[in-house]
Amino acid sequence: MSQNRILSVGATFPTFKKQAVVSIEKGKEFADITNEDHIKREQWMVMFWWPKDFTFVCPTEIAEFNKNYDEFRDRDAVLVGASTDSEFVHAAWRRDHEDLRGLRFPMLADTSKSLAEELGILEAEEKVAYRVTYIVDPQGIIRWVSVNDLNVGRNVAEVLRVLDALQTDELCPCNWQKGEETLVG
């Protein structure tokens, strides 16, 4: 297990500028993305990490986030996928894997592992990121963190439920769903 402390709720999300795969169209594959992108647009950011490209659980999650892309956009949230693989590996995987060709969000390449290390999410042995999901508010503050072990996929519907609850800025009871009553404090 990693001895790192995972950056958690209430902390400022780290500053970063990384290459990301944004397309499979020749000459338009790569773009820089930063932590400031969502702040400038006053949007929420949902960043989810996976351990490795060209694996089995990861594409099921990435495809599910992509299926729900409009749900995140409707909630004024920027969606960013990330791993410690290079942008070239990301691009090859997108071209190779049918479920990843039409992704509508960037695949961030943390090749130096500096962002994953600052977040405290590197697995100790292989130095790959755990399956971690961050919800960051428009001011750059981490409002939710979920960590899964390497072999267990996450629940995208739960990420959306928590984003909905956070955006109410009210008290939300257990199992609360969008449209239900919140609690009076």
N, C-alpha and C. Protein backbone atom coordinates (compact mmCIF):
# COMPACT_ATOMS: atom_id res chain seq x y z
N MET A 1 0.83 -1.20 0.00
CA MET A 1 0.00 0.00 0.00
C MET A 1 0.87 1.25 0.00
N SER A 2 0.35 2.30 -0.57
CA SER A 2 1.04 3.57 -0.61
C SER A 2 1.11 4.18 0.78
N GLN A 3 2.23 4.79 1.07
CA GLN A 3 2.40 5.48 2.35
C GLN A 3 2.05 6.96 2.20
N ASN A 4 1.71 7.36 0.99
CA ASN A 4 1.37 8.76 0.74
C ASN A 4 0.05 9.11 1.38
N ARG A 5 -0.08 10.36 1.73
CA ARG A 5 -1.35 10.88 2.21
C ARG A 5 -2.15 11.37 1.02
N ILE A 6 -3.34 10.85 0.86
CA ILE A 6 -4.19 11.26 -0.26
C ILE A 6 -4.75 12.65 0.03
N LEU A 7 -4.56 13.56 -0.93
CA LEU A 7 -5.12 14.89 -0.81
C LEU A 7 -6.64 14.75 -0.77
N SER A 8 -7.27 15.42 0.19
CA SER A 8 -8.67 15.13 0.43
C SER A 8 -9.53 16.38 0.50
N VAL A 9 -10.74 16.18 0.95
CA VAL A 9 -11.78 17.21 1.01
C VAL A 9 -11.29 18.43 1.77
N GLY A 10 -11.54 19.60 1.18
CA GLY A 10 -11.17 20.87 1.80
C GLY A 10 -9.84 21.41 1.31
N ALA A 11 -9.02 20.56 0.69
CA ALA A 11 -7.72 21.00 0.17
C ALA A 11 -7.91 21.65 -1.20
N THR A 12 -6.97 22.50 -1.54
CA THR A 12 -6.95 23.08 -2.88
C THR A 12 -6.36 22.05 -3.83
N PHE A 13 -7.03 21.84 -4.97
CA PHE A 13 -6.51 20.91 -5.97
C PHE A 13 -5.20 21.48 -6.49
N PRO A 14 -4.18 20.63 -6.68
CA PRO A 14 -2.86 21.12 -7.10
C PRO A 14 -2.88 21.82 -8.46
N THR A 15 -1.94 22.72 -8.61
CA THR A 15 -1.70 23.38 -9.88
C THR A 15 -1.09 22.37 -10.84
N PHE A 16 -1.57 22.34 -12.07
CA PHE A 16 -0.97 21.45 -13.07
C PHE A 16 -1.15 22.01 -14.46
N LYS A 17 -0.25 21.62 -15.34
CA LYS A 17 -0.36 21.84 -16.77
C LYS A 17 0.19 20.57 -17.40
N LYS A 18 -0.68 19.83 -18.08
CA LYS A 18 -0.31 18.53 -18.63
C LYS A 18 -0.82 18.38 -20.06
N GLN A 19 -0.13 17.54 -20.82
CA GLN A 19 -0.60 17.16 -22.15
C GLN A 19 -1.77 16.20 -21.99
N ALA A 20 -2.72 16.30 -22.88
CA ALA A 20 -3.87 15.41 -22.86
C ALA A 20 -4.23 15.05 -24.29
N VAL A 21 -4.80 13.87 -24.45
CA VAL A 21 -5.33 13.46 -25.74
C VAL A 21 -6.77 13.96 -25.80
N VAL A 22 -7.06 14.74 -26.83
CA VAL A 22 -8.39 15.33 -26.98
C VAL A 22 -9.09 14.89 -28.25
N SER A 23 -8.38 14.14 -29.11
CA SER A 23 -8.94 13.74 -30.40
C SER A 23 -8.11 12.59 -30.96
N ILE A 24 -8.67 11.87 -31.92
CA ILE A 24 -7.86 10.89 -32.66
C ILE A 24 -7.64 11.38 -34.09
N GLU A 25 -8.08 12.60 -34.36
CA GLU A 25 -7.87 13.19 -35.69
C GLU A 25 -6.40 13.59 -35.83
N LYS A 26 -5.77 13.14 -36.89
CA LYS A 26 -4.35 13.38 -37.12
C LYS A 26 -4.04 14.88 -37.06
N GLY A 27 -3.03 15.23 -36.26
CA GLY A 27 -2.62 16.62 -36.10
C GLY A 27 -3.39 17.38 -35.04
N LYS A 28 -4.46 16.79 -34.51
CA LYS A 28 -5.28 17.47 -33.49
C LYS A 28 -5.41 16.63 -32.22
N GLU A 29 -4.50 15.65 -32.05
CA GLU A 29 -4.62 14.70 -30.95
C GLU A 29 -4.39 15.32 -29.57
N PHE A 30 -3.47 16.28 -29.48
CA PHE A 30 -2.97 16.72 -28.17
C PHE A 30 -3.28 18.17 -27.87
N ALA A 31 -3.47 18.44 -26.59
CA ALA A 31 -3.66 19.82 -26.11
C ALA A 31 -3.19 19.88 -24.66
N ASP A 32 -2.75 21.05 -24.25
CA ASP A 32 -2.42 21.26 -22.84
C ASP A 32 -3.70 21.54 -22.08
N ILE A 33 -3.82 20.97 -20.89
CA ILE A 33 -4.92 21.34 -20.00
C ILE A 33 -4.31 21.69 -18.64
N THR A 34 -5.00 22.57 -17.92
CA THR A 34 -4.50 23.03 -16.63
C THR A 34 -5.62 22.98 -15.59
N ASN A 35 -5.22 23.14 -14.34
CA ASN A 35 -6.21 23.21 -13.26
C ASN A 35 -7.02 24.51 -13.35
N GLU A 36 -6.49 25.50 -14.04
CA GLU A 36 -7.17 26.79 -14.15
C GLU A 36 -8.32 26.78 -15.17
N ASP A 37 -8.32 25.80 -16.07
CA ASP A 37 -9.33 25.78 -17.13
C ASP A 37 -10.76 25.83 -16.58
N HIS A 38 -11.05 24.99 -15.58
CA HIS A 38 -12.42 24.97 -15.05
C HIS A 38 -12.70 26.17 -14.15
N ILE A 39 -11.66 26.67 -13.49
CA ILE A 39 -11.84 27.83 -12.60
C ILE A 39 -12.18 29.07 -13.42
N LYS A 40 -11.47 29.28 -14.53
CA LYS A 40 -11.73 30.45 -15.40
C LYS A 40 -13.17 30.45 -15.90
N ARG A 41 -13.69 29.25 -16.16
CA ARG A 41 -15.07 29.15 -16.68
C ARG A 41 -16.09 29.00 -15.55
N GLU A 42 -15.60 29.07 -14.31
CA GLU A 42 -16.46 28.92 -13.13
C GLU A 42 -17.26 27.63 -13.18
N GLN A 43 -16.56 26.53 -13.50
CA GLN A 43 -17.19 25.22 -13.59
C GLN A 43 -16.62 24.28 -12.54
N TRP A 44 -17.37 23.24 -12.26
CA TRP A 44 -16.89 22.15 -11.43
C TRP A 44 -15.97 21.27 -12.29
N MET A 45 -15.09 20.52 -11.65
CA MET A 45 -14.25 19.56 -12.38
C MET A 45 -14.39 18.20 -11.72
N VAL A 46 -14.62 17.19 -12.54
CA VAL A 46 -14.59 15.81 -12.09
C VAL A 46 -13.39 15.17 -12.78
N MET A 47 -12.37 14.82 -11.98
CA MET A 47 -11.19 14.17 -12.53
C MET A 47 -11.14 12.75 -11.97
N PHE A 48 -11.11 11.79 -12.90
CA PHE A 48 -11.02 10.40 -12.47
C PHE A 48 -9.75 9.77 -13.02
N TRP A 49 -9.10 8.99 -12.18
CA TRP A 49 -7.81 8.34 -12.50
C TRP A 49 -7.99 6.86 -12.66
N TRP A 50 -7.24 6.26 -13.57
CA TRP A 50 -7.19 4.81 -13.71
C TRP A 50 -5.73 4.39 -13.71
N PRO A 51 -5.46 3.10 -13.40
CA PRO A 51 -4.07 2.64 -13.26
C PRO A 51 -3.28 2.59 -14.57
N LYS A 52 -3.80 1.92 -15.59
CA LYS A 52 -3.02 1.70 -16.81
C LYS A 52 -3.91 1.63 -18.03
N ASP A 53 -3.38 2.12 -19.14
CA ASP A 53 -4.05 1.94 -20.42
C ASP A 53 -3.87 0.49 -20.87
N PHE A 54 -4.65 0.07 -21.83
CA PHE A 54 -4.60 -1.28 -22.40
C PHE A 54 -4.82 -2.36 -21.32
N THR A 55 -5.77 -2.09 -20.42
CA THR A 55 -6.13 -3.08 -19.39
C THR A 55 -7.62 -3.39 -19.53
N PHE A 56 -8.19 -4.06 -18.54
CA PHE A 56 -9.54 -4.61 -18.69
C PHE A 56 -10.64 -3.82 -17.99
N VAL A 57 -10.43 -3.42 -16.74
CA VAL A 57 -11.45 -2.69 -16.00
C VAL A 57 -11.52 -1.23 -16.46
N CYS A 58 -10.36 -0.65 -16.72
CA CYS A 58 -10.27 0.78 -17.06
C CYS A 58 -11.18 1.21 -18.21
N PRO A 59 -11.18 0.49 -19.34
CA PRO A 59 -12.03 0.97 -20.44
C PRO A 59 -13.53 0.90 -20.13
N THR A 60 -13.93 0.01 -19.22
CA THR A 60 -15.35 -0.04 -18.86
C THR A 60 -15.74 1.24 -18.13
N GLU A 61 -14.86 1.73 -17.29
CA GLU A 61 -15.13 2.98 -16.56
C GLU A 61 -15.09 4.18 -17.49
N ILE A 62 -14.05 4.25 -18.32
CA ILE A 62 -13.89 5.38 -19.22
C ILE A 62 -15.09 5.47 -20.16
N ALA A 63 -15.52 4.34 -20.69
CA ALA A 63 -16.68 4.31 -21.59
C ALA A 63 -17.94 4.76 -20.86
N GLU A 64 -18.10 4.37 -19.60
CA GLU A 64 -19.29 4.75 -18.83
C GLU A 64 -19.29 6.26 -18.53
N PHE A 65 -18.12 6.80 -18.19
CA PHE A 65 -18.04 8.26 -18.02
C PHE A 65 -18.42 8.95 -19.33
N ASN A 66 -17.94 8.43 -20.45
CA ASN A 66 -18.24 9.03 -21.74
C ASN A 66 -19.74 8.97 -22.06
N LYS A 67 -20.39 7.83 -21.74
CA LYS A 67 -21.84 7.71 -21.95
C LYS A 67 -22.60 8.77 -21.16
N ASN A 68 -22.02 9.18 -20.03
CA ASN A 68 -22.66 10.15 -19.15
C ASN A 68 -22.10 11.57 -19.32
N TYR A 69 -21.34 11.78 -20.38
CA TYR A 69 -20.70 13.08 -20.61
C TYR A 69 -21.71 14.23 -20.56
N ASP A 70 -22.85 14.07 -21.23
CA ASP A 70 -23.85 15.14 -21.25
C ASP A 70 -24.41 15.41 -19.85
N GLU A 71 -24.51 14.37 -19.03
CA GLU A 71 -24.98 14.55 -17.65
C GLU A 71 -24.03 15.46 -16.87
N PHE A 72 -22.72 15.26 -17.05
CA PHE A 72 -21.75 16.12 -16.38
C PHE A 72 -21.79 17.53 -16.95
N ARG A 73 -21.87 17.64 -18.27
CA ARG A 73 -21.93 18.95 -18.92
C ARG A 73 -23.18 19.72 -18.46
N ASP A 74 -24.31 19.02 -18.34
CA ASP A 74 -25.54 19.66 -17.87
C ASP A 74 -25.41 20.18 -16.44
N ARG A 75 -24.50 19.63 -15.69
CA ARG A 75 -24.26 20.05 -14.31
C ARG A 75 -23.10 21.06 -14.24
N ASP A 76 -22.71 21.58 -15.40
CA ASP A 76 -21.64 22.56 -15.50
C ASP A 76 -20.33 22.02 -14.91
N ALA A 77 -20.04 20.76 -15.24
CA ALA A 77 -18.83 20.11 -14.75
C ALA A 77 -17.95 19.68 -15.93
N VAL A 78 -16.67 19.99 -15.82
CA VAL A 78 -15.68 19.55 -16.78
C VAL A 78 -15.24 18.15 -16.37
N LEU A 79 -15.21 17.24 -17.31
CA LEU A 79 -14.80 15.86 -17.05
C LEU A 79 -13.39 15.66 -17.59
N VAL A 80 -12.50 15.11 -16.75
CA VAL A 80 -11.12 14.85 -17.15
C VAL A 80 -10.74 13.45 -16.68
N GLY A 81 -10.28 12.61 -17.63
CA GLY A 81 -9.75 11.30 -17.28
C GLY A 81 -8.24 11.41 -17.19
N ALA A 82 -7.60 10.59 -16.35
CA ALA A 82 -6.15 10.71 -16.17
C ALA A 82 -5.51 9.38 -15.79
N SER A 83 -4.27 9.21 -16.22
CA SER A 83 -3.42 8.13 -15.75
C SER A 83 -1.98 8.58 -15.90
N THR A 84 -1.06 7.72 -15.47
CA THR A 84 0.36 8.06 -15.57
C THR A 84 0.96 7.60 -16.89
N ASP A 85 0.15 7.07 -17.79
CA ASP A 85 0.63 6.73 -19.12
C ASP A 85 0.86 7.99 -19.93
N SER A 86 1.67 7.87 -20.99
CA SER A 86 1.97 9.04 -21.83
C SER A 86 0.80 9.36 -22.76
N GLU A 87 0.85 10.56 -23.30
CA GLU A 87 -0.18 10.98 -24.25
C GLU A 87 -0.14 10.10 -25.50
N PHE A 88 1.03 9.56 -25.85
CA PHE A 88 1.15 8.71 -27.03
C PHE A 88 0.49 7.35 -26.78
N VAL A 89 0.62 6.84 -25.57
CA VAL A 89 -0.04 5.58 -25.22
C VAL A 89 -1.55 5.80 -25.18
N HIS A 90 -1.98 6.93 -24.60
CA HIS A 90 -3.42 7.27 -24.60
C HIS A 90 -3.97 7.31 -26.02
N ALA A 91 -3.25 7.98 -26.92
CA ALA A 91 -3.71 8.12 -28.30
C ALA A 91 -3.80 6.76 -28.99
N ALA A 92 -2.80 5.92 -28.77
CA ALA A 92 -2.80 4.58 -29.38
C ALA A 92 -3.97 3.76 -28.84
N TRP A 93 -4.23 3.85 -27.54
CA TRP A 93 -5.32 3.10 -26.92
C TRP A 93 -6.66 3.58 -27.47
N ARG A 94 -6.81 4.90 -27.60
CA ARG A 94 -8.07 5.43 -28.15
C ARG A 94 -8.30 4.93 -29.57
N ARG A 95 -7.25 4.93 -30.37
CA ARG A 95 -7.40 4.45 -31.76
C ARG A 95 -7.67 2.95 -31.80
N ASP A 96 -7.11 2.21 -30.85
CA ASP A 96 -7.19 0.74 -30.84
C ASP A 96 -8.49 0.20 -30.25
N HIS A 97 -9.06 0.90 -29.27
CA HIS A 97 -10.20 0.38 -28.51
C HIS A 97 -11.51 1.03 -28.99
N GLU A 98 -12.41 0.22 -29.50
CA GLU A 98 -13.66 0.72 -30.07
C GLU A 98 -14.44 1.63 -29.11
N ASP A 99 -14.48 1.28 -27.82
CA ASP A 99 -15.25 2.05 -26.85
C ASP A 99 -14.61 3.40 -26.51
N LEU A 100 -13.37 3.62 -26.93
CA LEU A 100 -12.66 4.84 -26.55
C LEU A 100 -12.48 5.83 -27.71
N ARG A 101 -12.78 5.41 -28.91
CA ARG A 101 -12.54 6.28 -30.08
C ARG A 101 -13.32 7.58 -30.02
N GLY A 102 -14.54 7.53 -29.53
CA GLY A 102 -15.40 8.72 -29.53
C GLY A 102 -15.43 9.47 -28.21
N LEU A 103 -14.37 9.40 -27.43
CA LEU A 103 -14.37 10.10 -26.14
C LEU A 103 -14.57 11.60 -26.33
N ARG A 104 -15.32 12.19 -25.41
CA ARG A 104 -15.65 13.61 -25.50
C ARG A 104 -14.93 14.43 -24.43
N PHE A 105 -14.06 13.79 -23.68
CA PHE A 105 -13.30 14.49 -22.64
C PHE A 105 -11.82 14.14 -22.80
N PRO A 106 -10.93 14.99 -22.26
CA PRO A 106 -9.50 14.75 -22.40
C PRO A 106 -9.00 13.59 -21.54
N MET A 107 -7.97 12.92 -22.07
CA MET A 107 -7.25 11.88 -21.32
C MET A 107 -5.91 12.50 -20.93
N LEU A 108 -5.81 12.93 -19.69
CA LEU A 108 -4.61 13.60 -19.20
C LEU A 108 -3.46 12.61 -19.04
N ALA A 109 -2.27 13.01 -19.46
CA ALA A 109 -1.08 12.18 -19.36
C ALA A 109 -0.16 12.74 -18.28
N ASP A 110 -0.11 12.07 -17.15
CA ASP A 110 0.77 12.48 -16.04
C ASP A 110 2.04 11.62 -16.09
N THR A 111 2.76 11.73 -17.20
CA THR A 111 3.93 10.89 -17.45
C THR A 111 4.99 11.04 -16.37
N SER A 112 5.16 12.23 -15.85
CA SER A 112 6.15 12.46 -14.79
C SER A 112 5.67 11.94 -13.44
N LYS A 113 4.38 11.62 -13.36
CA LYS A 113 3.72 11.17 -12.13
C LYS A 113 3.70 12.24 -11.05
N SER A 114 4.01 13.48 -11.42
CA SER A 114 4.09 14.56 -10.44
C SER A 114 2.73 14.91 -9.85
N LEU A 115 1.68 14.95 -10.69
CA LEU A 115 0.35 15.28 -10.18
C LEU A 115 -0.17 14.14 -9.31
N ALA A 116 -0.03 12.89 -9.78
CA ALA A 116 -0.48 11.75 -8.98
C ALA A 116 0.26 11.69 -7.65
N GLU A 117 1.54 12.02 -7.68
CA GLU A 117 2.33 12.02 -6.44
C GLU A 117 1.86 13.12 -5.49
N GLU A 118 1.61 14.31 -6.03
CA GLU A 118 1.12 15.42 -5.20
C GLU A 118 -0.26 15.10 -4.62
N LEU A 119 -1.07 14.38 -5.38
CA LEU A 119 -2.39 13.97 -4.88
C LEU A 119 -2.28 12.82 -3.87
N GLY A 120 -1.13 12.14 -3.86
CA GLY A 120 -0.93 11.02 -2.93
C GLY A 120 -1.63 9.75 -3.36
N ILE A 121 -1.80 9.55 -4.68
CA ILE A 121 -2.60 8.43 -5.16
C ILE A 121 -1.80 7.36 -5.89
N LEU A 122 -0.47 7.38 -5.77
CA LEU A 122 0.35 6.37 -6.44
C LEU A 122 0.43 5.10 -5.61
N GLU A 123 0.20 3.98 -6.25
CA GLU A 123 0.36 2.67 -5.61
C GLU A 123 1.86 2.46 -5.43
N ALA A 124 2.28 1.93 -4.28
CA ALA A 124 3.69 1.88 -3.89
C ALA A 124 4.55 1.00 -4.79
N GLU A 125 4.07 -0.15 -5.21
CA GLU A 125 4.90 -1.10 -5.96
C GLU A 125 5.07 -0.71 -7.42
N GLU A 126 3.96 -0.54 -8.13
CA GLU A 126 4.02 -0.29 -9.58
C GLU A 126 4.08 1.20 -9.92
N LYS A 127 3.82 2.04 -8.93
CA LYS A 127 3.80 3.50 -9.16
C LYS A 127 2.79 3.89 -10.22
N VAL A 128 1.62 3.26 -10.18
CA VAL A 128 0.48 3.65 -11.01
C VAL A 128 -0.58 4.25 -10.09
N ALA A 129 -1.47 5.03 -10.65
CA ALA A 129 -2.51 5.67 -9.84
C ALA A 129 -3.58 4.66 -9.44
N TYR A 130 -4.07 4.83 -8.21
CA TYR A 130 -5.26 4.09 -7.81
C TYR A 130 -6.45 4.64 -8.60
N ARG A 131 -7.58 3.94 -8.55
CA ARG A 131 -8.82 4.42 -9.17
C ARG A 131 -9.42 5.47 -8.24
N VAL A 132 -9.08 6.71 -8.49
CA VAL A 132 -9.50 7.80 -7.62
C VAL A 132 -10.34 8.78 -8.43
N THR A 133 -11.41 9.26 -7.81
CA THR A 133 -12.26 10.27 -8.42
C THR A 133 -12.31 11.49 -7.52
N TYR A 134 -12.06 12.65 -8.11
CA TYR A 134 -12.13 13.92 -7.39
C TYR A 134 -13.27 14.75 -7.97
N ILE A 135 -14.04 15.38 -7.08
CA ILE A 135 -14.97 16.44 -7.50
C ILE A 135 -14.41 17.72 -6.90
N VAL A 136 -14.13 18.69 -7.79
CA VAL A 136 -13.50 19.95 -7.40
C VAL A 136 -14.46 21.08 -7.75
N ASP A 137 -14.69 21.98 -6.79
CA ASP A 137 -15.64 23.06 -7.03
C ASP A 137 -15.03 24.15 -7.91
N PRO A 138 -15.83 25.12 -8.35
CA PRO A 138 -15.33 26.16 -9.26
C PRO A 138 -14.22 27.04 -8.67
N GLN A 139 -14.02 27.00 -7.37
CA GLN A 139 -12.94 27.75 -6.74
C GLN A 139 -11.66 26.92 -6.61
N GLY A 140 -11.71 25.65 -7.06
CA GLY A 140 -10.52 24.81 -7.01
C GLY A 140 -10.37 24.01 -5.72
N ILE A 141 -11.43 23.94 -4.93
CA ILE A 141 -11.39 23.21 -3.66
C ILE A 141 -11.96 21.80 -3.86
N ILE A 142 -11.25 20.81 -3.35
CA ILE A 142 -11.71 19.42 -3.43
C ILE A 142 -12.91 19.26 -2.51
N ARG A 143 -14.03 18.78 -3.07
CA ARG A 143 -15.26 18.62 -2.30
C ARG A 143 -15.63 17.16 -2.08
N TRP A 144 -15.02 16.23 -2.85
CA TRP A 144 -15.30 14.80 -2.70
C TRP A 144 -14.15 14.01 -3.30
N VAL A 145 -13.79 12.92 -2.61
CA VAL A 145 -12.77 12.00 -3.10
C VAL A 145 -13.28 10.58 -2.89
N SER A 146 -13.13 9.76 -3.91
CA SER A 146 -13.47 8.34 -3.79
C SER A 146 -12.28 7.55 -4.31
N VAL A 147 -11.86 6.54 -3.54
CA VAL A 147 -10.69 5.73 -3.90
C VAL A 147 -11.10 4.27 -3.96
N ASN A 148 -10.80 3.64 -5.09
CA ASN A 148 -11.04 2.20 -5.25
C ASN A 148 -9.69 1.50 -5.40
N ASP A 149 -9.64 0.26 -4.96
CA ASP A 149 -8.45 -0.55 -5.18
C ASP A 149 -8.29 -0.76 -6.68
N LEU A 150 -7.14 -1.24 -7.09
CA LEU A 150 -6.82 -1.35 -8.51
C LEU A 150 -7.79 -2.24 -9.30
N ASN A 151 -8.34 -3.27 -8.68
CA ASN A 151 -9.15 -4.23 -9.44
C ASN A 151 -10.66 -4.01 -9.36
N VAL A 152 -11.11 -2.89 -8.77
CA VAL A 152 -12.54 -2.65 -8.62
C VAL A 152 -12.95 -1.37 -9.32
N GLY A 153 -13.86 -1.49 -10.29
CA GLY A 153 -14.36 -0.32 -11.01
C GLY A 153 -15.29 0.53 -10.16
N ARG A 154 -15.38 1.79 -10.51
CA ARG A 154 -16.22 2.72 -9.74
C ARG A 154 -17.63 2.80 -10.32
N ASN A 155 -18.51 3.55 -9.64
CA ASN A 155 -19.90 3.70 -10.02
C ASN A 155 -20.14 5.14 -10.49
N VAL A 156 -20.28 5.34 -11.79
CA VAL A 156 -20.45 6.68 -12.36
C VAL A 156 -21.75 7.33 -11.88
N ALA A 157 -22.79 6.54 -11.70
CA ALA A 157 -24.05 7.09 -11.21
C ALA A 157 -23.87 7.70 -9.81
N GLU A 158 -23.03 7.09 -9.00
CA GLU A 158 -22.76 7.63 -7.66
C GLU A 158 -21.98 8.94 -7.75
N VAL A 159 -21.07 9.05 -8.69
CA VAL A 159 -20.33 10.30 -8.88
C VAL A 159 -21.33 11.42 -9.24
N LEU A 160 -22.25 11.13 -10.13
CA LEU A 160 -23.27 12.12 -10.49
C LEU A 160 -24.17 12.47 -9.32
N ARG A 161 -24.55 11.47 -8.52
CA ARG A 161 -25.40 11.72 -7.35
C ARG A 161 -24.70 12.65 -6.36
N VAL A 162 -23.44 12.40 -6.11
CA VAL A 162 -22.69 13.24 -5.17
C VAL A 162 -22.50 14.65 -5.74
N LEU A 163 -22.22 14.76 -7.03
CA LEU A 163 -22.11 16.08 -7.65
C LEU A 163 -23.42 16.85 -7.50
N ASP A 164 -24.54 16.18 -7.75
CA ASP A 164 -25.85 16.83 -7.56
C ASP A 164 -26.01 17.32 -6.13
N ALA A 165 -25.67 16.47 -5.16
CA ALA A 165 -25.82 16.84 -3.75
C ALA A 165 -24.92 18.03 -3.40
N LEU A 166 -23.68 17.99 -3.84
CA LEU A 166 -22.77 19.11 -3.56
C LEU A 166 -23.27 20.41 -4.16
N GLN A 167 -23.85 20.32 -5.34
CA GLN A 167 -24.31 21.53 -6.01
C GLN A 167 -25.57 22.13 -5.37
N THR A 168 -26.27 21.39 -4.53
CA THR A 168 -27.42 21.96 -3.82
C THR A 168 -26.95 22.93 -2.75
N ASP A 169 -25.73 22.69 -2.23
CA ASP A 169 -25.18 23.46 -1.11
C ASP A 169 -26.11 23.38 0.11
N GLU A 170 -26.81 22.26 0.23
CA GLU A 170 -27.72 22.02 1.35
C GLU A 170 -27.40 20.68 1.99
N LEU A 171 -28.08 20.37 3.07
CA LEU A 171 -27.90 19.07 3.74
C LEU A 171 -28.68 18.00 2.99
N CYS A 172 -27.97 16.96 2.55
CA CYS A 172 -28.61 15.88 1.79
C CYS A 172 -28.51 14.58 2.57
N PRO A 173 -29.64 13.93 2.85
CA PRO A 173 -29.62 12.71 3.64
C PRO A 173 -29.05 11.51 2.87
N CYS A 174 -28.87 10.43 3.58
CA CYS A 174 -28.40 9.17 3.00
C CYS A 174 -29.28 8.78 1.81
N ASN A 175 -28.64 8.34 0.73
CA ASN A 175 -29.32 7.87 -0.48
C ASN A 175 -30.10 8.96 -1.21
N TRP A 176 -29.86 10.23 -0.86
CA TRP A 176 -30.55 11.34 -1.50
C TRP A 176 -30.33 11.28 -3.01
N GLN A 177 -31.37 11.61 -3.76
CA GLN A 177 -31.32 11.68 -5.22
C GLN A 177 -31.80 13.06 -5.65
N LYS A 178 -31.28 13.53 -6.79
CA LYS A 178 -31.68 14.84 -7.32
C LYS A 178 -33.20 14.93 -7.42
N GLY A 179 -33.74 16.04 -6.95
CA GLY A 179 -35.19 16.26 -6.99
C GLY A 179 -35.87 15.94 -5.66
N GLU A 180 -35.19 15.21 -4.79
CA GLU A 180 -35.76 14.90 -3.48
C GLU A 180 -35.54 16.06 -2.51
N GLU A 181 -36.29 16.05 -1.43
CA GLU A 181 -36.16 17.07 -0.41
C GLU A 181 -34.79 16.99 0.27
N THR A 182 -34.25 18.16 0.57
CA THR A 182 -33.03 18.21 1.40
C THR A 182 -33.46 18.44 2.84
N LEU A 183 -32.51 18.40 3.75
CA LEU A 183 -32.81 18.55 5.17
C LEU A 183 -32.71 20.01 5.58
N VAL A 184 -33.53 20.39 6.57
CA VAL A 184 -33.46 21.73 7.14
C VAL A 184 -32.56 21.65 8.36
N GLY A 185 -31.54 22.49 8.40
CA GLY A 185 -30.55 22.44 9.49
C GLY A 185 -30.90 23.23 10.70
